[in-house]
Every structure is written in structure tokens, then in C-alpha cells.
Amino acid sequence: MAQARRLKPAGIDSFSECPGRARAALEPRTTPPSIHHTANQMNGKKPAGSRRVLAAHVVEAELEHLDWATRQPALHLFDAGYWRRRVLAVKGRFELTERQLTQLEKIPRRLGSSAE
């Protein structure tokens, strides 16, 4: 079996001079990526794209913004459908507490009553 060639960037004498990510990209992998993917599935870990974030400060900021923005008369250029999509995006992206969920569900109800 042929040995993998290790290429290094020009102007760098050794791999130890490479920044961390560059060094990792240059060094050969010990296990193929498909094995990592399968191991993550077996451990119950979700791929990075489908993880839900538990970040209370981000959720609070998003809820405050949605609540404030949907109360502003000048921002009625966005229809109720837009704000409902934003609410659904927050529900799908973050793990919410019961209080946050209740607060989030009030927004579409308020939009529904103001649209009539």
C-alpha cells in the first residue's frame, strides 16, 4: 500500500509551525470520516446541522425582539405569515422552557387578533 504524501504549505519548515486547523487538514486521518459518522449515530449524537441549541440568553433575546417587533405599528410591512415563520424557526432551532414556549405562542395569537 502506498504511503500518503504529506504536503505542507510553502514557507513552513515543519508541520509544528502550522496553525491547529491547517495542521489537522494536512496530516493524514487515522480513520475514515464514514466511521466517525456511524459512531456518532450509534451514540445517539445528531449531526451538527440538526442539533437544537440550548442557549437561554439567545432565546431570551430572540423572544424579546419578536415581542417588540410584532407590537410596532411601523413594522407592519411584514405580514403575520412572516412572523409565524420566525416563531416556528425559534421553536425548531432552540430547546425552550415552558415559560418561553408560552411566551412564544402568544405572538401568533396576538397577530391573529390584530389582523381581524
PDB file of N, CA and C in Angstrom:
ATOM      1  N   MET A   1       0.842  -1.161   0.000  1.00  0.00           N
ATOM      2  CA  MET A   1       0.000   0.000   0.000  1.00  0.00           C
ATOM      3  C   MET A   1       0.897   1.237   0.000  1.00  0.00           C
ATOM      4  N   ALA A   2       0.571   2.190  -0.832  1.00  0.00           N
ATOM      5  CA  ALA A   2       1.384   3.397  -0.941  1.00  0.00           C
ATOM      6  C   ALA A   2       1.193   4.284   0.283  1.00  0.00           C
ATOM      7  N   GLN A   3       2.285   4.898   0.704  1.00  0.00           N
ATOM      8  CA  GLN A   3       2.212   5.778   1.872  1.00  0.00           C
ATOM      9  C   GLN A   3       1.636   7.130   1.443  1.00  0.00           C
ATOM     10  N   ALA A   4       0.771   7.718   2.273  1.00  0.00           N
ATOM     11  CA  ALA A   4       0.142   9.001   1.954  1.00  0.00           C
ATOM     12  C   ALA A   4       1.188  10.106   1.964  1.00  0.00           C
ATOM     13  N   ARG A   5       1.130  10.983   0.951  1.00  0.00           N
ATOM     14  CA  ARG A   5       2.054  12.115   0.891  1.00  0.00           C
ATOM     15  C   ARG A   5       1.558  13.205   1.817  1.00  0.00           C
ATOM     16  N   ARG A   6       2.456  13.763   2.554  1.00  0.00           N
ATOM     17  CA  ARG A   6       2.104  14.849   3.467  1.00  0.00           C
ATOM     18  C   ARG A   6       2.635  16.145   2.869  1.00  0.00           C
ATOM     19  N   LEU A   7       1.723  16.948   2.364  1.00  0.00           N
ATOM     20  CA  LEU A   7       2.105  18.224   1.775  1.00  0.00           C
ATOM     21  C   LEU A   7       2.008  19.308   2.834  1.00  0.00           C
ATOM     22  N   LYS A   8       2.952  20.226   2.821  1.00  0.00           N
ATOM     23  CA  LYS A   8       2.882  21.337   3.769  1.00  0.00           C
ATOM     24  C   LYS A   8       2.884  22.646   2.985  1.00  0.00           C
ATOM     25  N   PRO A   9       2.295  23.691   3.554  1.00  0.00           N
ATOM     26  CA  PRO A   9       2.243  24.981   2.865  1.00  0.00           C
ATOM     27  C   PRO A   9       3.640  25.533   2.616  1.00  0.00           C
ATOM     28  N   ALA A  10       3.768  26.329   1.555  1.00  0.00           N
ATOM     29  CA  ALA A  10       5.055  26.939   1.224  1.00  0.00           C
ATOM     30  C   ALA A  10       5.481  27.885   2.336  1.00  0.00           C
ATOM     31  N   GLY A  11       6.764  27.940   2.626  1.00  0.00           N
ATOM     32  CA  GLY A  11       7.290  28.854   3.630  1.00  0.00           C
ATOM     33  C   GLY A  11       7.227  28.314   5.047  1.00  0.00           C
ATOM     34  N   ILE A  12       6.786  27.084   5.217  1.00  0.00           N
ATOM     35  CA  ILE A  12       6.718  26.486   6.547  1.00  0.00           C
ATOM     36  C   ILE A  12       7.670  25.300   6.561  1.00  0.00           C
ATOM     37  N   ASP A  13       8.592  25.308   7.524  1.00  0.00           N
ATOM     38  CA  ASP A  13       9.620  24.276   7.583  1.00  0.00           C
ATOM     39  C   ASP A  13       9.113  22.959   8.147  1.00  0.00           C
ATOM     40  N   SER A  14       8.200  23.029   9.105  1.00  0.00           N
ATOM     41  CA  SER A  14       7.708  21.785   9.686  1.00  0.00           C
ATOM     42  C   SER A  14       6.216  21.906   9.964  1.00  0.00           C
ATOM     43  N   PHE A  15       5.579  20.773  10.155  1.00  0.00           N
ATOM     44  CA  PHE A  15       4.147  20.762  10.437  1.00  0.00           C
ATOM     45  C   PHE A  15       3.837  21.403  11.783  1.00  0.00           C
ATOM     46  N   SER A  16       4.794  21.429  12.689  1.00  0.00           N
ATOM     47  CA  SER A  16       4.539  22.015  14.008  1.00  0.00           C
ATOM     48  C   SER A  16       4.344  23.525  13.927  1.00  0.00           C
ATOM     49  N   GLU A  17       4.760  24.157  12.822  1.00  0.00           N
ATOM     50  CA  GLU A  17       4.565  25.595  12.653  1.00  0.00           C
ATOM     51  C   GLU A  17       3.179  25.935  12.108  1.00  0.00           C
ATOM     52  N   CYS A  18       2.454  24.951  11.624  1.00  0.00           N
ATOM     53  CA  CYS A  18       1.127  25.194  11.058  1.00  0.00           C
ATOM     54  C   CYS A  18       0.130  25.503  12.167  1.00  0.00           C
ATOM     55  N   PRO A  19      -0.830  26.393  11.905  1.00  0.00           N
ATOM     56  CA  PRO A  19      -1.903  26.593  12.883  1.00  0.00           C
ATOM     57  C   PRO A  19      -2.687  25.298  13.067  1.00  0.00           C
ATOM     58  N   GLY A  20      -3.402  25.182  14.163  1.00  0.00           N
ATOM     59  CA  GLY A  20      -4.095  23.946  14.524  1.00  0.00           C
ATOM     60  C   GLY A  20      -4.957  23.354  13.428  1.00  0.00           C
ATOM     61  N   ARG A  21      -5.860  24.135  12.850  1.00  0.00           N
ATOM     62  CA  ARG A  21      -6.763  23.594  11.830  1.00  0.00           C
ATOM     63  C   ARG A  21      -6.005  23.202  10.575  1.00  0.00           C
ATOM     64  N   ALA A  22      -5.025  24.033  10.189  1.00  0.00           N
ATOM     65  CA  ALA A  22      -4.256  23.725   8.988  1.00  0.00           C
ATOM     66  C   ALA A  22      -3.461  22.444   9.187  1.00  0.00           C
ATOM     67  N   ARG A  23      -2.885  22.283  10.382  1.00  0.00           N
ATOM     68  CA  ARG A  23      -2.109  21.089  10.667  1.00  0.00           C
ATOM     69  C   ARG A  23      -3.002  19.853  10.593  1.00  0.00           C
ATOM     70  N   ALA A  24      -4.192  19.948  11.158  1.00  0.00           N
ATOM     71  CA  ALA A  24      -5.107  18.804  11.143  1.00  0.00           C
ATOM     72  C   ALA A  24      -5.516  18.453   9.720  1.00  0.00           C
ATOM     73  N   ALA A  25      -5.675  19.474   8.878  1.00  0.00           N
ATOM     74  CA  ALA A  25      -6.065  19.221   7.492  1.00  0.00           C
ATOM     75  C   ALA A  25      -4.928  18.593   6.698  1.00  0.00           C
ATOM     76  N   LEU A  26      -3.693  18.897   7.074  1.00  0.00           N
ATOM     77  CA  LEU A  26      -2.548  18.389   6.329  1.00  0.00           C
ATOM     78  C   LEU A  26      -2.151  16.978   6.732  1.00  0.00           C
ATOM     79  N   GLU A  27      -2.378  16.634   7.972  1.00  0.00           N
ATOM     80  CA  GLU A  27      -1.979  15.317   8.446  1.00  0.00           C
ATOM     81  C   GLU A  27      -2.993  14.270   7.997  1.00  0.00           C
ATOM     82  N   PRO A  28      -2.526  13.076   7.659  1.00  0.00           N
ATOM     83  CA  PRO A  28      -3.460  12.040   7.218  1.00  0.00           C
ATOM     84  C   PRO A  28      -4.375  11.602   8.361  1.00  0.00           C
ATOM     85  N   ARG A  29      -5.596  11.270   8.015  1.00  0.00           N
ATOM     86  CA  ARG A  29      -6.566  10.805   9.018  1.00  0.00           C
ATOM     87  C   ARG A  29      -6.263   9.368   9.394  1.00  0.00           C
ATOM     88  N   THR A  30      -6.538   9.058  10.639  1.00  0.00           N
ATOM     89  CA  THR A  30      -6.306   7.689  11.083  1.00  0.00           C
ATOM     90  C   THR A  30      -7.518   6.815  10.796  1.00  0.00           C
ATOM     91  N   THR A  31      -8.712   7.399  10.814  1.00  0.00           N
ATOM     92  CA  THR A  31      -9.919   6.643  10.490  1.00  0.00           C
ATOM     93  C   THR A  31     -10.727   7.421   9.466  1.00  0.00           C
ATOM     94  N   PRO A  32     -11.372   6.741   8.555  1.00  0.00           N
ATOM     95  CA  PRO A  32     -12.163   7.435   7.542  1.00  0.00           C
ATOM     96  C   PRO A  32     -13.353   8.162   8.175  1.00  0.00           C
ATOM     97  N   PRO A  33     -13.818   9.272   7.551  1.00  0.00           N
ATOM     98  CA  PRO A  33     -14.921  10.036   8.112  1.00  0.00           C
ATOM     99  C   PRO A  33     -16.206   9.229   8.252  1.00  0.00           C
ATOM    100  N   SER A  34     -16.412   8.234   7.400  1.00  0.00           N
ATOM    101  CA  SER A  34     -17.646   7.449   7.473  1.00  0.00           C
ATOM    102  C   SER A  34     -17.737   6.678   8.789  1.00  0.00           C
ATOM    103  N   ILE A  35     -16.606   6.284   9.348  1.00  0.00           N
ATOM    104  CA  ILE A  35     -16.616   5.574  10.626  1.00  0.00           C
ATOM    105  C   ILE A  35     -17.054   6.515  11.739  1.00  0.00           C
ATOM    106  N   HIS A  36     -16.557   7.771  11.710  1.00  0.00           N
ATOM    107  CA  HIS A  36     -16.972   8.755  12.710  1.00  0.00           C
ATOM    108  C   HIS A  36     -18.471   8.995  12.618  1.00  0.00           C
ATOM    109  N   HIS A  37     -18.978   9.114  11.400  1.00  0.00           N
ATOM    110  CA  HIS A  37     -20.405   9.380  11.196  1.00  0.00           C
ATOM    111  C   HIS A  37     -21.242   8.243  11.776  1.00  0.00           C
ATOM    112  N   THR A  38     -20.846   7.015  11.508  1.00  0.00           N
ATOM    113  CA  THR A  38     -21.585   5.863  12.018  1.00  0.00           C
ATOM    114  C   THR A  38     -21.498   5.794  13.535  1.00  0.00           C
ATOM    115  N   ALA A  39     -20.330   6.065  14.090  1.00  0.00           N
ATOM    116  CA  ALA A  39     -20.169   6.037  15.543  1.00  0.00           C
ATOM    117  C   ALA A  39     -21.045   7.092  16.200  1.00  0.00           C
ATOM    118  N   ASN A  40     -21.126   8.271  15.601  1.00  0.00           N
ATOM    119  CA  ASN A  40     -21.979   9.319  16.158  1.00  0.00           C
ATOM    120  C   ASN A  40     -23.439   8.904  16.135  1.00  0.00           C
ATOM    121  N   GLN A  41     -23.866   8.231  15.078  1.00  0.00           N
ATOM    122  CA  GLN A  41     -25.252   7.772  15.012  1.00  0.00           C
ATOM    123  C   GLN A  41     -25.513   6.726  16.083  1.00  0.00           C
ATOM    124  N   MET A  42     -24.556   5.850  16.321  1.00  0.00           N
ATOM    125  CA  MET A  42     -24.742   4.807  17.317  1.00  0.00           C
ATOM    126  C   MET A  42     -24.769   5.387  18.728  1.00  0.00           C
ATOM    127  N   ASN A  43     -24.030   6.479  18.956  1.00  0.00           N
ATOM    128  CA  ASN A  43     -24.020   7.119  20.268  1.00  0.00           C
ATOM    129  C   ASN A  43     -25.231   8.006  20.487  1.00  0.00           C
ATOM    130  N   GLY A  44     -26.072   8.144  19.484  1.00  0.00           N
ATOM    131  CA  GLY A  44     -27.251   8.986  19.616  1.00  0.00           C
ATOM    132  C   GLY A  44     -26.964  10.453  19.371  1.00  0.00           C
ATOM    133  N   LYS A  45     -25.769  10.772  18.899  1.00  0.00           N
ATOM    134  CA  LYS A  45     -25.444  12.168  18.621  1.00  0.00           C
ATOM    135  C   LYS A  45     -26.042  12.553  17.275  1.00  0.00           C
ATOM    136  N   LYS A  46     -26.562  13.767  17.198  1.00  0.00           N
ATOM    137  CA  LYS A  46     -27.128  14.260  15.948  1.00  0.00           C
ATOM    138  C   LYS A  46     -26.039  14.989  15.170  1.00  0.00           C
ATOM    139  N   PRO A  47     -26.126  14.987  13.841  1.00  0.00           N
ATOM    140  CA  PRO A  47     -25.183  15.776  13.057  1.00  0.00           C
ATOM    141  C   PRO A  47     -25.310  17.255  13.422  1.00  0.00           C
ATOM    142  N   ALA A  48     -24.241  18.019  13.241  1.00  0.00           N
ATOM    143  CA  ALA A  48     -24.203  19.419  13.676  1.00  0.00           C
ATOM    144  C   ALA A  48     -25.343  20.245  13.090  1.00  0.00           C
ATOM    145  N   GLY A  49     -25.763  19.979  11.874  1.00  0.00           N
ATOM    146  CA  GLY A  49     -26.813  20.769  11.246  1.00  0.00           C
ATOM    147  C   GLY A  49     -28.178  20.592  11.869  1.00  0.00           C
ATOM    148  N   SER A  50     -28.422  19.469  12.524  1.00  0.00           N
ATOM    149  CA  SER A  50     -29.756  19.218  13.058  1.00  0.00           C
ATOM    150  C   SER A  50     -29.831  19.349  14.572  1.00  0.00           C
ATOM    151  N   ARG A  51     -28.743  19.761  15.208  1.00  0.00           N
ATOM    152  CA  ARG A  51     -28.765  19.934  16.661  1.00  0.00           C
ATOM    153  C   ARG A  51     -29.633  21.109  17.048  1.00  0.00           C
ATOM    154  N   ARG A  52     -30.326  20.965  18.171  1.00  0.00           N
ATOM    155  CA  ARG A  52     -31.074  22.080  18.733  1.00  0.00           C
ATOM    156  C   ARG A  52     -30.211  22.706  19.806  1.00  0.00           C
ATOM    157  N   VAL A  53     -30.203  24.001  19.847  1.00  0.00           N
ATOM    158  CA  VAL A  53     -29.308  24.733  20.725  1.00  0.00           C
ATOM    159  C   VAL A  53     -29.991  25.036  22.053  1.00  0.00           C
ATOM    160  N   LEU A  54     -29.254  24.861  23.136  1.00  0.00           N
ATOM    161  CA  LEU A  54     -29.726  25.253  24.452  1.00  0.00           C
ATOM    162  C   LEU A  54     -28.894  26.461  24.862  1.00  0.00           C
ATOM    163  N   ALA A  55     -29.399  27.644  24.532  1.00  0.00           N
ATOM    164  CA  ALA A  55     -28.698  28.892  24.828  1.00  0.00           C
ATOM    165  C   ALA A  55     -29.742  29.888  25.307  1.00  0.00           C
ATOM    166  N   ALA A  56     -29.958  29.917  26.612  1.00  0.00           N
ATOM    167  CA  ALA A  56     -31.045  30.703  27.193  1.00  0.00           C
ATOM    168  C   ALA A  56     -30.946  32.179  26.832  1.00  0.00           C
ATOM    169  N   HIS A  57     -29.733  32.736  26.840  1.00  0.00           N
ATOM    170  CA  HIS A  57     -29.606  34.163  26.546  1.00  0.00           C
ATOM    171  C   HIS A  57     -29.978  34.481  25.103  1.00  0.00           C
ATOM    172  N   VAL A  58     -29.682  33.572  24.179  1.00  0.00           N
ATOM    173  CA  VAL A  58     -30.031  33.784  22.779  1.00  0.00           C
ATOM    174  C   VAL A  58     -31.544  33.689  22.605  1.00  0.00           C
ATOM    175  N   VAL A  59     -32.150  32.712  23.258  1.00  0.00           N
ATOM    176  CA  VAL A  59     -33.602  32.540  23.178  1.00  0.00           C
ATOM    177  C   VAL A  59     -34.300  33.762  23.755  1.00  0.00           C
ATOM    178  N   GLU A  60     -33.840  34.236  24.910  1.00  0.00           N
ATOM    179  CA  GLU A  60     -34.459  35.411  25.537  1.00  0.00           C
ATOM    180  C   GLU A  60     -34.362  36.628  24.624  1.00  0.00           C
ATOM    181  N   ALA A  61     -33.210  36.833  24.010  1.00  0.00           N
ATOM    182  CA  ALA A  61     -33.038  37.968  23.100  1.00  0.00           C
ATOM    183  C   ALA A  61     -33.963  37.840  21.892  1.00  0.00           C
ATOM    184  N   GLU A  62     -34.084  36.649  21.355  1.00  0.00           N
ATOM    185  CA  GLU A  62     -34.960  36.419  20.202  1.00  0.00           C
ATOM    186  C   GLU A  62     -36.421  36.647  20.575  1.00  0.00           C
ATOM    187  N   LEU A  63     -36.830  36.154  21.743  1.00  0.00           N
ATOM    188  CA  LEU A  63     -38.210  36.351  22.193  1.00  0.00           C
ATOM    189  C   LEU A  63     -38.511  37.825  22.428  1.00  0.00           C
ATOM    190  N   GLU A  64     -37.583  38.536  23.062  1.00  0.00           N
ATOM    191  CA  GLU A  64     -37.783  39.973  23.285  1.00  0.00           C
ATOM    192  C   GLU A  64     -37.917  40.709  21.967  1.00  0.00           C
ATOM    193  N   HIS A  65     -37.072  40.357  21.001  1.00  0.00           N
ATOM    194  CA  HIS A  65     -37.140  41.025  19.703  1.00  0.00           C
ATOM    195  C   HIS A  65     -38.468  40.734  19.003  1.00  0.00           C
ATOM    196  N   LEU A  66     -38.866  39.475  18.969  1.00  0.00           N
ATOM    197  CA  LEU A  66     -40.132  39.125  18.318  1.00  0.00           C
ATOM    198  C   LEU A  66     -41.307  39.826  18.986  1.00  0.00           C
ATOM    199  N   ASP A  67     -41.308  39.849  20.307  1.00  0.00           N
ATOM    200  CA  ASP A  67     -42.389  40.504  21.034  1.00  0.00           C
ATOM    201  C   ASP A  67     -42.415  42.000  20.723  1.00  0.00           C
ATOM    202  N   TRP A  68     -41.257  42.637  20.762  1.00  0.00           N
ATOM    203  CA  TRP A  68     -41.173  44.069  20.488  1.00  0.00           C
ATOM    204  C   TRP A  68     -41.562  44.373  19.039  1.00  0.00           C
ATOM    205  N   ALA A  69     -40.988  43.618  18.102  1.00  0.00           N
ATOM    206  CA  ALA A  69     -41.194  43.901  16.680  1.00  0.00           C
ATOM    207  C   ALA A  69     -42.643  43.709  16.255  1.00  0.00           C
ATOM    208  N   THR A  70     -43.315  42.726  16.826  1.00  0.00           N
ATOM    209  CA  THR A  70     -44.707  42.495  16.423  1.00  0.00           C
ATOM    210  C   THR A  70     -45.655  43.512  17.040  1.00  0.00           C
ATOM    211  N   ARG A  71     -45.198  44.296  17.995  1.00  0.00           N
ATOM    212  CA  ARG A  71     -46.024  45.361  18.590  1.00  0.00           C
ATOM    213  C   ARG A  71     -45.816  46.713  17.908  1.00  0.00           C
ATOM    214  N   GLN A  72     -44.822  46.833  17.034  1.00  0.00           N
ATOM    215  CA  GLN A  72     -44.509  48.120  16.414  1.00  0.00           C
ATOM    216  C   GLN A  72     -45.403  48.370  15.208  1.00  0.00           C
ATOM    217  N   PRO A  73     -46.148  49.495  15.201  1.00  0.00           N
ATOM    218  CA  PRO A  73     -47.019  49.780  14.056  1.00  0.00           C
ATOM    219  C   PRO A  73     -46.224  50.065  12.784  1.00  0.00           C
ATOM    220  N   ALA A  74     -45.012  50.588  12.916  1.00  0.00           N
ATOM    221  CA  ALA A  74     -44.205  50.907  11.736  1.00  0.00           C
ATOM    222  C   ALA A  74     -43.691  49.658  11.034  1.00  0.00           C
ATOM    223  N   LEU A  75     -43.677  48.532  11.723  1.00  0.00           N
ATOM    224  CA  LEU A  75     -43.137  47.305  11.133  1.00  0.00           C
ATOM    225  C   LEU A  75     -44.222  46.396  10.563  1.00  0.00           C
ATOM    226  N   HIS A  76     -45.370  46.947  10.259  1.00  0.00           N
ATOM    227  CA  HIS A  76     -46.433  46.130   9.675  1.00  0.00           C
ATOM    228  C   HIS A  76     -46.189  45.838   8.198  1.00  0.00           C
ATOM    229  N   LEU A  77     -45.011  46.234   7.697  1.00  0.00           N
ATOM    230  CA  LEU A  77     -44.690  45.872   6.327  1.00  0.00           C
ATOM    231  C   LEU A  77     -44.468  44.367   6.207  1.00  0.00           C
ATOM    232  N   PHE A  78     -44.199  43.710   7.340  1.00  0.00           N
ATOM    233  CA  PHE A  78     -44.126  42.248   7.349  1.00  0.00           C
ATOM    234  C   PHE A  78     -45.500  41.721   7.737  1.00  0.00           C
ATOM    235  N   ASP A  79     -46.000  40.762   6.987  1.00  0.00           N
ATOM    236  CA  ASP A  79     -47.325  40.223   7.296  1.00  0.00           C
ATOM    237  C   ASP A  79     -47.251  39.206   8.432  1.00  0.00           C
ATOM    238  N   ALA A  80     -48.405  38.777   8.899  1.00  0.00           N
ATOM    239  CA  ALA A  80     -48.477  37.824  10.012  1.00  0.00           C
ATOM    240  C   ALA A  80     -47.788  36.507   9.653  1.00  0.00           C
ATOM    241  N   GLY A  81     -47.826  36.123   8.383  1.00  0.00           N
ATOM    242  CA  GLY A  81     -47.167  34.887   7.945  1.00  0.00           C
ATOM    243  C   GLY A  81     -45.664  34.920   8.178  1.00  0.00           C
ATOM    244  N   TYR A  82     -45.063  36.086   7.953  1.00  0.00           N
ATOM    245  CA  TYR A  82     -43.624  36.235   8.193  1.00  0.00           C
ATOM    246  C   TYR A  82     -43.303  35.993   9.662  1.00  0.00           C
ATOM    247  N   TRP A  83     -44.088  36.618  10.552  1.00  0.00           N
ATOM    248  CA  TRP A  83     -43.821  36.481  11.983  1.00  0.00           C
ATOM    249  C   TRP A  83     -44.096  35.061  12.460  1.00  0.00           C
ATOM    250  N   ARG A  84     -45.079  34.396  11.869  1.00  0.00           N
ATOM    251  CA  ARG A  84     -45.336  32.990  12.225  1.00  0.00           C
ATOM    252  C   ARG A  84     -44.153  32.111  11.828  1.00  0.00           C
ATOM    253  N   ARG A  85     -43.570  32.396  10.667  1.00  0.00           N
ATOM    254  CA  ARG A  85     -42.379  31.638  10.239  1.00  0.00           C
ATOM    255  C   ARG A  85     -41.212  31.877  11.192  1.00  0.00           C
ATOM    256  N   ARG A  86     -41.059  33.108  11.642  1.00  0.00           N
ATOM    257  CA  ARG A  86     -39.998  33.409  12.612  1.00  0.00           C
ATOM    258  C   ARG A  86     -40.219  32.652  13.915  1.00  0.00           C
ATOM    259  N   VAL A  87     -41.468  32.593  14.377  1.00  0.00           N
ATOM    260  CA  VAL A  87     -41.802  31.862  15.602  1.00  0.00           C
ATOM    261  C   VAL A  87     -41.484  30.382  15.427  1.00  0.00           C
ATOM    262  N   LEU A  88     -41.877  29.811  14.287  1.00  0.00           N
ATOM    263  CA  LEU A  88     -41.590  28.392  14.028  1.00  0.00           C
ATOM    264  C   LEU A  88     -40.087  28.132  13.958  1.00  0.00           C
ATOM    265  N   ALA A  89     -39.344  29.082  13.415  1.00  0.00           N
ATOM    266  CA  ALA A  89     -37.887  28.917  13.341  1.00  0.00           C
ATOM    267  C   ALA A  89     -37.278  28.871  14.740  1.00  0.00           C
ATOM    268  N   VAL A  90     -37.770  29.712  15.633  1.00  0.00           N
ATOM    269  CA  VAL A  90     -37.256  29.704  17.008  1.00  0.00           C
ATOM    270  C   VAL A  90     -37.616  28.392  17.687  1.00  0.00           C
ATOM    271  N   LYS A  91     -38.844  27.916  17.470  1.00  0.00           N
ATOM    272  CA  LYS A  91     -39.268  26.643  18.074  1.00  0.00           C
ATOM    273  C   LYS A  91     -38.402  25.489  17.592  1.00  0.00           C
ATOM    274  N   GLY A  92     -38.053  25.501  16.317  1.00  0.00           N
ATOM    275  CA  GLY A  92     -37.270  24.406  15.756  1.00  0.00           C
ATOM    276  C   GLY A  92     -35.797  24.473  16.077  1.00  0.00           C
ATOM    277  N   ARG A  93     -35.283  25.672  16.301  1.00  0.00           N
ATOM    278  CA  ARG A  93     -33.848  25.850  16.479  1.00  0.00           C
ATOM    279  C   ARG A  93     -33.396  25.727  17.925  1.00  0.00           C
ATOM    280  N   PHE A  94     -34.280  26.030  18.865  1.00  0.00           N
ATOM    281  CA  PHE A  94     -33.880  26.067  20.265  1.00  0.00           C
ATOM    282  C   PHE A  94     -34.721  25.133  21.117  1.00  0.00           C
ATOM    283  N   GLU A  95     -34.135  24.667  22.203  1.00  0.00           N
ATOM    284  CA  GLU A  95     -34.887  23.933  23.218  1.00  0.00           C
ATOM    285  C   GLU A  95     -35.465  24.971  24.164  1.00  0.00           C
ATOM    286  N   LEU A  96     -36.787  25.015  24.274  1.00  0.00           N
ATOM    287  CA  LEU A  96     -37.455  26.062  25.033  1.00  0.00           C
ATOM    288  C   LEU A  96     -37.981  25.548  26.359  1.00  0.00           C
ATOM    289  N   THR A  97     -37.987  26.428  27.346  1.00  0.00           N
ATOM    290  CA  THR A  97     -38.630  26.105  28.614  1.00  0.00           C
ATOM    291  C   THR A  97     -40.131  26.303  28.433  1.00  0.00           C
ATOM    292  N   GLU A  98     -40.906  25.851  29.399  1.00  0.00           N
ATOM    293  CA  GLU A  98     -42.366  26.020  29.318  1.00  0.00           C
ATOM    294  C   GLU A  98     -42.742  27.497  29.248  1.00  0.00           C
ATOM    295  N   ARG A  99     -42.067  28.324  30.049  1.00  0.00           N
ATOM    296  CA  ARG A  99     -42.358  29.760  30.048  1.00  0.00           C
ATOM    297  C   ARG A  99     -42.039  30.377  28.689  1.00  0.00           C
ATOM    298  N   GLN A 100     -40.902  30.001  28.109  1.00  0.00           N
ATOM    299  CA  GLN A 100     -40.525  30.528  26.798  1.00  0.00           C
ATOM    300  C   GLN A 100     -41.504  30.073  25.731  1.00  0.00           C
ATOM    301  N   LEU A 101     -41.936  28.827  25.821  1.00  0.00           N
ATOM    302  CA  LEU A 101     -42.895  28.303  24.857  1.00  0.00           C
ATOM    303  C   LEU A 101     -44.221  29.047  24.952  1.00  0.00           C
ATOM    304  N   THR A 102     -44.676  29.310  26.166  1.00  0.00           N
ATOM    305  CA  THR A 102     -45.916  30.059  26.366  1.00  0.00           C
ATOM    306  C   THR A 102     -45.782  31.468  25.803  1.00  0.00           C
ATOM    307  N   GLN A 103     -44.654  32.110  26.092  1.00  0.00           N
ATOM    308  CA  GLN A 103     -44.416  33.461  25.590  1.00  0.00           C
ATOM    309  C   GLN A 103     -44.375  33.470  24.067  1.00  0.00           C
ATOM    310  N   LEU A 104     -43.771  32.457  23.478  1.00  0.00           N
ATOM    311  CA  LEU A 104     -43.666  32.375  22.027  1.00  0.00           C
ATOM    312  C   LEU A 104     -45.021  32.124  21.383  1.00  0.00           C
ATOM    313  N   GLU A 105     -45.867  31.328  22.024  1.00  0.00           N
ATOM    314  CA  GLU A 105     -47.179  31.022  21.454  1.00  0.00           C
ATOM    315  C   GLU A 105     -48.143  32.206  21.535  1.00  0.00           C
ATOM    316  N   LYS A 106     -47.866  33.171  22.392  1.00  0.00           N
ATOM    317  CA  LYS A 106     -48.714  34.363  22.488  1.00  0.00           C
ATOM    318  C   LYS A 106     -48.580  35.249  21.251  1.00  0.00           C
ATOM    319  N   ILE A 107     -47.430  35.234  20.618  1.00  0.00           N
ATOM    320  CA  ILE A 107     -47.170  36.131  19.485  1.00  0.00           C
ATOM    321  C   ILE A 107     -48.104  35.849  18.311  1.00  0.00           C
ATOM    322  N   PRO A 108     -48.223  34.609  17.814  1.00  0.00           N
ATOM    323  CA  PRO A 108     -49.162  34.378  16.699  1.00  0.00           C
ATOM    324  C   PRO A 108     -50.618  34.657  17.085  1.00  0.00           C
ATOM    325  N   ARG A 109     -50.978  34.380  18.350  1.00  0.00           N
ATOM    326  CA  ARG A 109     -52.350  34.681  18.785  1.00  0.00           C
ATOM    327  C   ARG A 109     -52.610  36.177  18.729  1.00  0.00           C
ATOM    328  N   ARG A 110     -51.633  36.967  19.175  1.00  0.00           N
ATOM    329  CA  ARG A 110     -51.793  38.416  19.136  1.00  0.00           C
ATOM    330  C   ARG A 110     -51.863  38.901  17.693  1.00  0.00           C
ATOM    331  N   LEU A 111     -51.052  38.324  16.819  1.00  0.00           N
ATOM    332  CA  LEU A 111     -51.086  38.710  15.406  1.00  0.00           C
ATOM    333  C   LEU A 111     -52.413  38.340  14.766  1.00  0.00           C
ATOM    334  N   GLY A 112     -52.950  37.181  15.153  1.00  0.00           N
ATOM    335  CA  GLY A 112     -54.238  36.751  14.603  1.00  0.00           C
ATOM    336  C   GLY A 112     -55.358  37.678  14.999  1.00  0.00           C
ATOM    337  N   SER A 113     -55.359  38.153  16.241  1.00  0.00           N
ATOM    338  CA  SER A 113     -56.424  39.042  16.697  1.00  0.00           C
ATOM    339  C   SER A 113     -56.250  40.452  16.141  1.00  0.00           C
ATOM    340  N   SER A 114     -55.005  40.891  15.883  1.00  0.00           N
ATOM    341  CA  SER A 114     -54.799  42.240  15.347  1.00  0.00           C
ATOM    342  C   SER A 114     -55.057  42.301  13.851  1.00  0.00           C
ATOM    343  N   ALA A 115     -55.005  41.150  13.168  1.00  0.00           N
ATOM    344  CA  ALA A 115     -55.227  41.129  11.722  1.00  0.00           C
ATOM    345  C   ALA A 115     -56.703  41.233  11.380  1.00  0.00           C
ATOM    346  N   GLU A 116     -57.576  40.912  12.330  1.00  0.00           N
ATOM    347  CA  GLU A 116     -59.012  40.925  12.061  1.00  0.00           C
ATOM    348  C   GLU A 116     -59.591  42.307  12.138  1.00  0.00           C
TER     349      GLU A 116
END
